[in-house]
PDB file of N, CA and C in Angstrom:
ATOM      1  N   MET A   1      60.994-108.462  62.493  1.00  0.00           N
ATOM      2  CA  MET A   1      59.848-107.343  62.152  1.00  0.00           C
ATOM      3  C   MET A   1      59.908-107.367  60.820  1.00  0.00           C
ATOM      4  N   THR A   2      58.164-107.418  60.387  1.00  0.00           N
ATOM      5  CA  THR A   2      57.724-106.419  59.196  1.00  0.00           C
ATOM      6  C   THR A   2      58.482-105.628  58.327  1.00  0.00           C
ATOM      7  N   PRO A   3      57.799-105.715  57.408  1.00  0.00           N
ATOM      8  CA  PRO A   3      58.369-104.567  55.969  1.00  0.00           C
ATOM      9  C   PRO A   3      57.709-103.079  57.126  1.00  0.00           C
ATOM     10  N   ILE A   4      55.968-103.212  57.108  1.00  0.00           N
ATOM     11  CA  ILE A   4      55.832-101.853  57.374  1.00  0.00           C
ATOM     12  C   ILE A   4      56.645-101.353  58.780  1.00  0.00           C
ATOM     13  N   GLU A   5      56.223-102.234  59.656  1.00  0.00           N
ATOM     14  CA  GLU A   5      57.460-101.918  60.902  1.00  0.00           C
ATOM     15  C   GLU A   5      58.725-101.383  60.625  1.00  0.00           C
ATOM     16  N   SER A   6      59.283-101.725  59.740  1.00  0.00           N
ATOM     17  CA  SER A   6      61.343-100.994  59.181  1.00  0.00           C
ATOM     18  C   SER A   6      61.363 -99.913  59.171  1.00  0.00           C
ATOM     19  N   ILE A   7      60.093 -99.161  58.567  1.00  0.00           N
ATOM     20  CA  ILE A   7      60.080 -97.359  57.619  1.00  0.00           C
ATOM     21  C   ILE A   7      59.433 -96.829  58.436  1.00  0.00           C
ATOM     22  N   PRO A   8      59.935 -96.022  59.066  1.00  0.00           N
ATOM     23  CA  PRO A   8      58.980 -94.825  60.345  1.00  0.00           C
ATOM     24  C   PRO A   8      57.604 -94.340  59.859  1.00  0.00           C
ATOM     25  N   SER A   9      57.160 -93.993  60.785  1.00  0.00           N
ATOM     26  CA  SER A   9      56.228 -93.556  60.097  1.00  0.00           C
ATOM     27  C   SER A   9      55.976 -91.978  59.617  1.00  0.00           C
ATOM     28  N   GLY A  10      56.803 -91.161  59.093  1.00  0.00           N
ATOM     29  CA  GLY A  10      56.355 -90.555  58.266  1.00  0.00           C
ATOM     30  C   GLY A  10      57.181 -90.411  57.279  1.00  0.00           C
ATOM     31  N   GLU A  11      57.774 -91.467  57.193  1.00  0.00           N
ATOM     32  CA  GLU A  11      58.857 -91.750  55.505  1.00  0.00           C
ATOM     33  C   GLU A  11      57.575 -92.857  54.734  1.00  0.00           C
ATOM     34  N   ASP A  12      57.344 -92.349  53.068  1.00  0.00           N
ATOM     35  CA  ASP A  12      56.456 -92.461  52.572  1.00  0.00           C
ATOM     36  C   ASP A  12      57.210 -93.226  52.167  1.00  0.00           C
ATOM     37  N   PRO A  13      56.866 -94.931  51.386  1.00  0.00           N
ATOM     38  CA  PRO A  13      57.724 -96.233  50.431  1.00  0.00           C
ATOM     39  C   PRO A  13      57.547 -95.610  49.727  1.00  0.00           C
ATOM     40  N   ALA A  14      56.759 -95.030  48.766  1.00  0.00           N
ATOM     41  CA  ALA A  14      56.741 -94.609  47.482  1.00  0.00           C
ATOM     42  C   ALA A  14      58.030 -93.728  47.440  1.00  0.00           C
ATOM     43  N   SER A  15      57.872 -93.073  48.152  1.00  0.00           N
ATOM     44  CA  SER A  15      58.656 -91.339  48.192  1.00  0.00           C
ATOM     45  C   SER A  15      60.067 -92.341  48.290  1.00  0.00           C
ATOM     46  N   ILE A  16      60.689 -93.170  48.652  1.00  0.00           N
ATOM     47  CA  ILE A  16      61.737 -94.381  48.822  1.00  0.00           C
ATOM     48  C   ILE A  16      62.572 -94.893  47.161  1.00  0.00           C
ATOM     49  N   LEU A  17      60.814 -95.303  47.084  1.00  0.00           N
ATOM     50  CA  LEU A  17      61.104 -95.962  45.271  1.00  0.00           C
ATOM     51  C   LEU A  17      61.416 -94.528  44.515  1.00  0.00           C
ATOM     52  N   GLY A  18      60.864 -93.333  44.931  1.00  0.00           N
ATOM     53  CA  GLY A  18      60.663 -92.975  43.879  1.00  0.00           C
ATOM     54  C   GLY A  18      59.184 -92.471  42.668  1.00  0.00           C
ATOM     55  N   VAL A  19      58.575 -92.645  42.726  1.00  0.00           N
ATOM     56  CA  VAL A  19      57.271 -94.067  42.409  1.00  0.00           C
ATOM     57  C   VAL A  19      55.721 -92.659  43.247  1.00  0.00           C
ATOM     58  N   PRO A  20      54.935 -92.740  41.860  1.00  0.00           N
ATOM     59  CA  PRO A  20      53.497 -91.926  42.771  1.00  0.00           C
ATOM     60  C   PRO A  20      53.790 -92.592  43.305  1.00  0.00           C
ATOM     61  N   THR A  21      52.504 -92.973  44.387  1.00  0.00           N
ATOM     62  CA  THR A  21      51.811 -93.611  45.507  1.00  0.00           C
ATOM     63  C   THR A  21      50.670 -94.689  44.369  1.00  0.00           C
ATOM     64  N   GLN A  22      50.108 -94.249  43.694  1.00  0.00           N
ATOM     65  CA  GLN A  22      49.090 -94.939  42.906  1.00  0.00           C
ATOM     66  C   GLN A  22      49.781 -96.013  41.917  1.00  0.00           C
ATOM     67  N   ALA A  23      51.121 -95.901  41.838  1.00  0.00           N
ATOM     68  CA  ALA A  23      51.482 -96.735  40.709  1.00  0.00           C
ATOM     69  C   ALA A  23      51.388 -98.228  40.616  1.00  0.00           C
ATOM     70  N   ASP A  24      51.633 -98.065  39.801  1.00  0.00           N
ATOM     71  CA  ASP A  24      50.662-100.100  39.319  1.00  0.00           C
ATOM     72  C   ASP A  24      52.083-100.525  39.314  1.00  0.00           C
ATOM     73  N   ALA A  25      52.205-102.797  39.190  1.00  0.00           N
ATOM     74  CA  ALA A  25      52.961-103.086  39.711  1.00  0.00           C
ATOM     75  C   ALA A  25      54.319-102.852  38.836  1.00  0.00           C
ATOM     76  N   ALA A  26      54.117-102.962  37.165  1.00  0.00           N
ATOM     77  CA  ALA A  26      55.435-102.582  36.597  1.00  0.00           C
ATOM     78  C   ALA A  26      55.870-101.039  36.680  1.00  0.00           C
ATOM     79  N   THR A  27      55.363-100.086  37.531  1.00  0.00           N
ATOM     80  CA  THR A  27      55.985 -99.070  37.474  1.00  0.00           C
ATOM     81  C   THR A  27      57.121 -99.671  38.564  1.00  0.00           C
ATOM     82  N   LEU A  28      56.235 -99.751  39.486  1.00  0.00           N
ATOM     83  CA  LEU A  28      56.675-100.339  41.470  1.00  0.00           C
ATOM     84  C   LEU A  28      58.019-101.103  40.841  1.00  0.00           C
ATOM     85  N   ARG A  29      58.032-101.831  39.758  1.00  0.00           N
ATOM     86  CA  ARG A  29      59.314-103.247  39.981  1.00  0.00           C
ATOM     87  C   ARG A  29      60.382-102.235  38.957  1.00  0.00           C
ATOM     88  N   ALA A  30      59.424-101.447  38.379  1.00  0.00           N
ATOM     89  CA  ALA A  30      60.972-100.799  37.118  1.00  0.00           C
ATOM     90  C   ALA A  30      61.777-100.439  38.265  1.00  0.00           C
ATOM     91  N   ALA A  31      61.525 -99.746  38.814  1.00  0.00           N
ATOM     92  CA  ALA A  31      61.633 -98.400  39.876  1.00  0.00           C
ATOM     93  C   ALA A  31      62.263 -99.200  41.067  1.00  0.00           C
ATOM     94  N   TYR A  32      61.936 -99.903  41.069  1.00  0.00           N
ATOM     95  CA  TYR A  32      62.409-100.714  42.242  1.00  0.00           C
ATOM     96  C   TYR A  32      64.097-101.647  41.942  1.00  0.00           C
ATOM     97  N   LEU A  33      64.246-102.541  40.716  1.00  0.00           N
ATOM     98  CA  LEU A  33      65.096-102.166  40.102  1.00  0.00           C
ATOM     99  C   LEU A  33      65.907-101.033  40.146  1.00  0.00           C
ATOM    100  N   GLU A  34      65.724 -99.973  39.061  1.00  0.00           N
ATOM    101  CA  GLU A  34      67.214 -99.694  39.105  1.00  0.00           C
ATOM    102  C   GLU A  34      66.772 -99.367  40.326  1.00  0.00           C
ATOM    103  N   LYS A  35      66.823 -98.276  41.706  1.00  0.00           N
ATOM    104  CA  LYS A  35      66.913 -98.471  42.916  1.00  0.00           C
ATOM    105  C   LYS A  35      68.055 -99.113  43.066  1.00  0.00           C
ATOM    106  N   VAL A  36      67.946-100.551  42.702  1.00  0.00           N
ATOM    107  CA  VAL A  36      68.750-102.048  43.338  1.00  0.00           C
ATOM    108  C   VAL A  36      69.758-101.259  42.497  1.00  0.00           C
ATOM    109  N   ARG A  37      70.225-101.110  41.750  1.00  0.00           N
ATOM    110  CA  ARG A  37      71.166-100.866  40.810  1.00  0.00           C
ATOM    111  C   ARG A  37      72.296-100.753  41.137  1.00  0.00           C
ATOM    112  N   GLN A  38      72.078 -99.439  41.295  1.00  0.00           N
ATOM    113  CA  GLN A  38      72.353 -98.147  42.044  1.00  0.00           C
ATOM    114  C   GLN A  38      73.027 -98.288  43.637  1.00  0.00           C
ATOM    115  N   TYR A  39      72.428 -99.130  44.378  1.00  0.00           N
ATOM    116  CA  TYR A  39      72.529 -99.292  45.563  1.00  0.00           C
ATOM    117  C   TYR A  39      72.291-100.668  46.280  1.00  0.00           C
ATOM    118  N   PRO A  40      73.535-101.952  45.533  1.00  0.00           N
ATOM    119  CA  PRO A  40      73.508-103.292  45.411  1.00  0.00           C
ATOM    120  C   PRO A  40      73.746-103.619  46.546  1.00  0.00           C
ATOM    121  N   PRO A  41      73.143-104.928  47.485  1.00  0.00           N
ATOM    122  CA  PRO A  41      72.774-105.324  48.400  1.00  0.00           C
ATOM    123  C   PRO A  41      74.392-105.241  49.146  1.00  0.00           C
ATOM    124  N   ASP A  42      75.889-105.444  47.879  1.00  0.00           N
ATOM    125  CA  ASP A  42      76.821-106.594  48.958  1.00  0.00           C
ATOM    126  C   ASP A  42      77.237-104.449  48.822  1.00  0.00           C
ATOM    127  N   ARG A  43      77.302-102.898  48.315  1.00  0.00           N
ATOM    128  CA  ARG A  43      77.716-102.320  49.349  1.00  0.00           C
ATOM    129  C   ARG A  43      76.974-101.067  49.568  1.00  0.00           C
ATOM    130  N   CYS A  44      75.934-101.644  49.324  1.00  0.00           N
ATOM    131  CA  CYS A  44      74.913-100.414  50.274  1.00  0.00           C
ATOM    132  C   CYS A  44      73.881-101.756  51.044  1.00  0.00           C
ATOM    133  N   PRO A  45      74.186-101.989  51.998  1.00  0.00           N
ATOM    134  CA  PRO A  45      73.418-103.208  52.786  1.00  0.00           C
ATOM    135  C   PRO A  45      72.216-101.864  53.317  1.00  0.00           C
ATOM    136  N   ALA A  46      72.522-101.452  54.525  1.00  0.00           N
ATOM    137  CA  ALA A  46      70.961-100.546  55.055  1.00  0.00           C
ATOM    138  C   ALA A  46      70.169-100.185  53.931  1.00  0.00           C
ATOM    139  N   GLU A  47      70.473 -99.652  53.000  1.00  0.00           N
ATOM    140  CA  GLU A  47      70.000 -98.561  51.925  1.00  0.00           C
ATOM    141  C   GLU A  47      69.075-100.136  50.833  1.00  0.00           C
ATOM    142  N   PHE A  48      69.823-100.709  50.690  1.00  0.00           N
ATOM    143  CA  PHE A  48      68.887-101.974  49.930  1.00  0.00           C
ATOM    144  C   PHE A  48      68.276-102.631  51.016  1.00  0.00           C
ATOM    145  N   GLU A  49      68.144-102.912  52.296  1.00  0.00           N
ATOM    146  CA  GLU A  49      66.938-103.642  53.373  1.00  0.00           C
ATOM    147  C   GLU A  49      65.732-102.562  53.375  1.00  0.00           C
ATOM    148  N   ARG A  50      66.183-101.150  53.096  1.00  0.00           N
ATOM    149  CA  ARG A  50      64.869 -99.568  52.727  1.00  0.00           C
ATOM    150  C   ARG A  50      64.338-100.381  51.276  1.00  0.00           C
ATOM    151  N   LEU A  51      65.423 -99.890  50.122  1.00  0.00           N
ATOM    152  CA  LEU A  51      64.438-100.697  49.322  1.00  0.00           C
ATOM    153  C   LEU A  51      63.444-101.518  49.266  1.00  0.00           C
ATOM    154  N   ARG A  52      64.165-102.764  50.141  1.00  0.00           N
ATOM    155  CA  ARG A  52      63.144-104.045  49.884  1.00  0.00           C
ATOM    156  C   ARG A  52      62.060-103.952  50.870  1.00  0.00           C
ATOM    157  N   ASP A  53      62.074-103.822  51.434  1.00  0.00           N
ATOM    158  CA  ASP A  53      60.967-102.806  52.681  1.00  0.00           C
ATOM    159  C   ASP A  53      59.894-102.297  51.846  1.00  0.00           C
ATOM    160  N   ALA A  54      60.368-101.110  50.977  1.00  0.00           N
ATOM    161  CA  ALA A  54      59.274-100.531  50.686  1.00  0.00           C
ATOM    162  C   ALA A  54      58.784-100.932  49.143  1.00  0.00           C
ATOM    163  N   TYR A  55      59.518-102.035  48.664  1.00  0.00           N
ATOM    164  CA  TYR A  55      59.385-102.815  47.792  1.00  0.00           C
ATOM    165  C   TYR A  55      58.312-103.683  48.335  1.00  0.00           C
ATOM    166  N   ALA A  56      58.354-104.117  49.174  1.00  0.00           N
ATOM    167  CA  ALA A  56      56.994-105.071  50.009  1.00  0.00           C
ATOM    168  C   ALA A  56      56.161-104.375  49.962  1.00  0.00           C
ATOM    169  N   ILE A  57      55.815-103.845  50.480  1.00  0.00           N
ATOM    170  CA  ILE A  57      54.627-103.281  51.648  1.00  0.00           C
ATOM    171  C   ILE A  57      53.928-102.449  49.847  1.00  0.00           C
ATOM    172  N   LEU A  58      54.655-101.586  49.279  1.00  0.00           N
ATOM    173  CA  LEU A  58      53.649-101.166  48.197  1.00  0.00           C
ATOM    174  C   LEU A  58      53.575-102.351  46.912  1.00  0.00           C
ATOM    175  N   SER A  59      54.253-103.906  46.766  1.00  0.00           N
ATOM    176  CA  SER A  59      53.773-105.001  46.135  1.00  0.00           C
ATOM    177  C   SER A  59      52.049-104.743  46.803  1.00  0.00           C
ATOM    178  N   ASP A  60      51.851-105.506  48.079  1.00  0.00           N
ATOM    179  CA  ASP A  60      51.088-105.789  48.769  1.00  0.00           C
ATOM    180  C   ASP A  60      50.256-105.586  48.733  1.00  0.00           C
ATOM    181  N   PRO A  61      48.822-105.423  48.432  1.00  0.00           N
ATOM    182  CA  PRO A  61      48.034-104.734  48.771  1.00  0.00           C
ATOM    183  C   PRO A  61      47.076-104.236  50.230  1.00  0.00           C
ATOM    184  N   ARG A  62      47.235-104.851  51.293  1.00  0.00           N
ATOM    185  CA  ARG A  62      47.166-104.659  52.423  1.00  0.00           C
ATOM    186  C   ARG A  62      48.074-103.652  52.863  1.00  0.00           C
ATOM    187  N   GLN A  63      49.066-104.057  53.190  1.00  0.00           N
ATOM    188  CA  GLN A  63      50.367-103.140  53.179  1.00  0.00           C
ATOM    189  C   GLN A  63      50.086-101.434  52.909  1.00  0.00           C
ATOM    190  N   ARG A  64      49.376-101.739  51.294  1.00  0.00           N
ATOM    191  CA  ARG A  64      49.701-100.588  50.842  1.00  0.00           C
ATOM    192  C   ARG A  64      48.345 -99.838  51.847  1.00  0.00           C
ATOM    193  N   VAL A  65      47.352-100.533  51.636  1.00  0.00           N
ATOM    194  CA  VAL A  65      45.824 -99.703  52.124  1.00  0.00           C
ATOM    195  C   VAL A  65      46.557 -99.553  53.755  1.00  0.00           C
ATOM    196  N   GLN A  66      47.165 -99.591  54.346  1.00  0.00           N
ATOM    197  CA  GLN A  66      47.536 -99.712  55.850  1.00  0.00           C
ATOM    198  C   GLN A  66      48.374 -98.201  55.920  1.00  0.00           C
ATOM    199  N   ILE A  67      49.543 -97.508  54.534  1.00  0.00           N
ATOM    200  CA  ILE A  67      50.129 -96.972  54.576  1.00  0.00           C
ATOM    201  C   ILE A  67      49.118 -96.423  53.930  1.00  0.00           C
ATOM    202  N   LEU A  68      48.400 -95.831  53.453  1.00  0.00           N
ATOM    203  CA  LEU A  68      47.238 -94.929  52.656  1.00  0.00           C
ATOM    204  C   LEU A  68      47.067 -94.135  53.695  1.00  0.00           C
ATOM    205  N   LEU A  69      46.721 -94.988  55.060  1.00  0.00           N
ATOM    206  CA  LEU A  69      45.640 -95.059  56.125  1.00  0.00           C
ATOM    207  C   LEU A  69      46.554 -93.882  57.228  1.00  0.00           C
ATOM    208  N   ARG A  70      46.848 -94.624  57.541  1.00  0.00           N
ATOM    209  CA  ARG A  70      47.868 -93.787  58.262  1.00  0.00           C
ATOM    210  C   ARG A  70      48.704 -92.418  58.126  1.00  0.00           C
ATOM    211  N   GLN A  71      48.633 -92.464  56.230  1.00  0.00           N
ATOM    212  CA  GLN A  71      48.920 -90.955  56.068  1.00  0.00           C
ATOM    213  C   GLN A  71      47.950 -90.511  55.778  1.00  0.00           C
ATOM    214  N   ALA A  72      46.844 -90.764  56.129  1.00  0.00           N
ATOM    215  CA  ALA A  72      45.366 -90.176  55.445  1.00  0.00           C
ATOM    216  C   ALA A  72      45.090 -89.441  56.833  1.00  0.00           C
ATOM    217  N   ASP A  73      44.415 -87.936  56.752  1.00  0.00           N
ATOM    218  CA  ASP A  73      44.004 -87.168  57.573  1.00  0.00           C
ATOM    219  C   ASP A  73      42.007 -87.331  58.134  1.00  0.00           C
ATOM    220  N   PRO A  74      42.741 -88.214  59.631  1.00  0.00           N
ATOM    221  CA  PRO A  74      41.122 -89.068  59.955  1.00  0.00           C
ATOM    222  C   PRO A  74      40.422 -88.550  60.209  1.00  0.00           C
ATOM    223  N   LEU A  75      40.483 -86.736  59.981  1.00  0.00           N
ATOM    224  CA  LEU A  75      38.739 -85.933  59.387  1.00  0.00           C
ATOM    225  C   LEU A  75      38.435 -85.794  58.165  1.00  0.00           C
ATOM    226  N   ALA A  76      38.934 -86.365  57.950  1.00  0.00           N
ATOM    227  CA  ALA A  76      38.587 -86.254  55.913  1.00  0.00           C
ATOM    228  C   ALA A  76      37.575 -87.637  55.761  1.00  0.00           C
ATOM    229  N   PRO A  77      36.986 -87.016  54.460  1.00  0.00           N
ATOM    230  CA  PRO A  77      35.935 -87.687  54.544  1.00  0.00           C
ATOM    231  C   PRO A  77      36.379 -88.690  53.227  1.00  0.00           C
ATOM    232  N   LEU A  78      36.160 -90.108  53.654  1.00  0.00           N
ATOM    233  CA  LEU A  78      36.553 -91.156  53.209  1.00  0.00           C
ATOM    234  C   LEU A  78      36.742 -91.542  51.700  1.00  0.00           C
ATOM    235  N   ALA A  79      35.892 -90.526  51.253  1.00  0.00           N
ATOM    236  CA  ALA A  79      36.463 -90.418  49.131  1.00  0.00           C
ATOM    237  C   ALA A  79      37.124 -90.035  49.466  1.00  0.00           C
ATOM    238  N   GLU A  80      37.802 -88.879  50.372  1.00  0.00           N
ATOM    239  CA  GLU A  80      39.163 -88.230  49.202  1.00  0.00           C
ATOM    240  C   GLU A  80      40.243 -89.294  49.529  1.00  0.00           C
ATOM    241  N   LEU A  81      40.245 -90.423  49.982  1.00  0.00           N
ATOM    242  CA  LEU A  81      41.326 -91.425  49.952  1.00  0.00           C
ATOM    243  C   LEU A  81      41.258 -92.273  48.195  1.00  0.00           C
ATOM    244  N   VAL A  82      40.008 -92.230  47.400  1.00  0.00           N
ATOM    245  CA  VAL A  82      40.237 -92.982  46.139  1.00  0.00           C
ATOM    246  C   VAL A  82      39.915 -91.772  45.236  1.00  0.00           C
ATOM    247  N   PRO A  83      41.296 -92.209  44.744  1.00  0.00           N
ATOM    248  CA  PRO A  83      41.560 -91.020  43.856  1.00  0.00           C
ATOM    249  C   PRO A  83      40.344 -90.924  42.532  1.00  0.00           C
ATOM    250  N   GLY A  84      40.526 -89.441  41.839  1.00  0.00           N
ATOM    251  CA  GLY A  84      38.624 -89.791  41.225  1.00  0.00           C
ATOM    252  C   GLY A  84      37.561 -89.344  41.444  1.00  0.00           C
ATOM    253  N   SER A  85      37.386 -89.522  42.740  1.00  0.00           N
ATOM    254  CA  SER A  85      36.733 -90.014  43.513  1.00  0.00           C
ATOM    255  C   SER A  85      35.398 -88.162  43.878  1.00  0.00           C
ATOM    256  N   LYS A  86      34.328 -88.301  44.000  1.00  0.00           N
ATOM    257  CA  LYS A  86      33.856 -87.197  43.626  1.00  0.00           C
ATOM    258  C   LYS A  86      33.125 -87.392  44.564  1.00  0.00           C
ATOM    259  N   GLY A  87      32.720 -87.899  45.820  1.00  0.00           N
ATOM    260  CA  GLY A  87      32.580 -87.925  46.998  1.00  0.00           C
ATOM    261  C   GLY A  87      30.697 -87.949  46.224  1.00  0.00           C
ATOM    262  N   ARG A  88      29.868 -88.208  47.707  1.00  0.00           N
ATOM    263  CA  ARG A  88      28.662 -88.302  47.466  1.00  0.00           C
ATOM    264  C   ARG A  88      27.919 -87.118  47.766  1.00  0.00           C
ATOM    265  N   ARG A  89      26.873 -86.655  46.944  1.00  0.00           N
ATOM    266  CA  ARG A  89      26.568 -84.957  46.960  1.00  0.00           C
ATOM    267  C   ARG A  89      24.401 -85.062  47.538  1.00  0.00           C
ATOM    268  N   PHE A  90      24.827 -84.011  48.675  1.00  0.00           N
ATOM    269  CA  PHE A  90      23.642 -84.421  49.250  1.00  0.00           C
ATOM    270  C   PHE A  90      22.242 -84.048  48.028  1.00  0.00           C
ATOM    271  N   VAL A  91      21.294 -84.760  48.179  1.00  0.00           N
ATOM    272  CA  VAL A  91      20.307 -84.313  47.789  1.00  0.00           C
ATOM    273  C   VAL A  91      19.385 -84.063  48.579  1.00  0.00           C
ATOM    274  N   GLY A  92      19.016 -84.488  49.643  1.00  0.00           N
ATOM    275  CA  GLY A  92      17.847 -84.085  50.743  1.00  0.00           C
ATOM    276  C   GLY A  92      16.994 -84.766  50.693  1.00  0.00           C
ATOM    277  N   LEU A  93      16.269 -85.007  51.989  1.00  0.00           N
ATOM    278  CA  LEU A  93      15.479 -86.035  52.290  1.00  0.00           C
ATOM    279  C   LEU A  93      13.723 -86.463  50.682  1.00  0.00           C
ATOM    280  N   GLU A  94      13.657 -85.650  49.993  1.00  0.00           N
ATOM    281  CA  GLU A  94      12.744 -85.779  48.953  1.00  0.00           C
ATOM    282  C   GLU A  94      12.615 -86.835  48.322  1.00  0.00           C
ATOM    283  N   PRO A  95      13.898 -87.419  47.971  1.00  0.00           N
ATOM    284  CA  PRO A  95      14.032 -88.536  47.235  1.00  0.00           C
ATOM    285  C   PRO A  95      13.667 -89.636  47.835  1.00  0.00           C
ATOM    286  N   TRP A  96      13.798 -89.860  49.221  1.00  0.00           N
ATOM    287  CA  TRP A  96      13.531 -91.250  49.981  1.00  0.00           C
ATOM    288  C   TRP A  96      11.892 -91.284  50.490  1.00  0.00           C
ATOM    289  N   LEU A  97      11.961 -90.234  51.212  1.00  0.00           N
ATOM    290  CA  LEU A  97      10.219 -89.983  50.928  1.00  0.00           C
ATOM    291  C   LEU A  97       9.691 -90.102  49.863  1.00  0.00           C
ATOM    292  N   GLU A  98       9.425 -89.416  49.052  1.00  0.00           N
ATOM    293  CA  GLU A  98       8.590 -90.542  47.343  1.00  0.00           C
ATOM    294  C   GLU A  98       8.979 -91.491  47.133  1.00  0.00           C
ATOM    295  N   ALA A  99      10.410 -92.635  47.948  1.00  0.00           N
ATOM    296  CA  ALA A  99      10.380 -93.830  46.854  1.00  0.00           C
ATOM    297  C   ALA A  99       9.357 -94.861  48.024  1.00  0.00           C
ATOM    298  N   LEU A 100       9.754 -94.152  49.610  1.00  0.00           N
ATOM    299  CA  LEU A 100       8.830 -94.979  51.094  1.00  0.00           C
ATOM    300  C   LEU A 100       7.231 -94.761  50.425  1.00  0.00           C
ATOM    301  N   ARG A 101       6.801 -93.691  49.974  1.00  0.00           N
ATOM    302  CA  ARG A 101       5.042 -93.328  50.131  1.00  0.00           C
ATOM    303  C   ARG A 101       4.871 -94.119  48.535  1.00  0.00           C
ATOM    304  N   ARG A 102       5.691 -94.306  47.921  1.00  0.00           N
ATOM    305  CA  ARG A 102       5.169 -95.523  46.240  1.00  0.00           C
ATOM    306  C   ARG A 102       5.120 -96.955  46.817  1.00  0.00           C
ATOM    307  N   LEU A 103       5.803 -97.271  47.595  1.00  0.00           N
ATOM    308  CA  LEU A 103       5.906 -98.079  48.785  1.00  0.00           C
ATOM    309  C   LEU A 103       3.949 -99.128  48.735  1.00  0.00           C
ATOM    310  N   PRO A 104       3.567-100.493  48.316  1.00  0.00           N
ATOM    311  CA  PRO A 104       2.947-100.804  48.377  1.00  0.00           C
ATOM    312  C   PRO A 104       2.047-101.256  50.612  1.00  0.00           C
TER     313      PRO A 104
END
């Protein structure tokens, strides 16, 4: 079973580690090590496996995107998935028509 399959679809790997969804690698590692100290594999094997799988998912960019897409609203614009994105603003057809008129 891959790490992404081991975590139920309703559960967020970032919440398992206690980090924000857009956390960087250093923050992920620090949170993972802190949680491993709380739940060592010899005393809490099930919790340790959850932590290990959550860290594996968030460390891999491809799996991180899969989780992001699984949690996203399918009807929302893709621009909402990118933090800080304002999306495109529709300005009408006139700029395009003007550019076509200038072509030789």
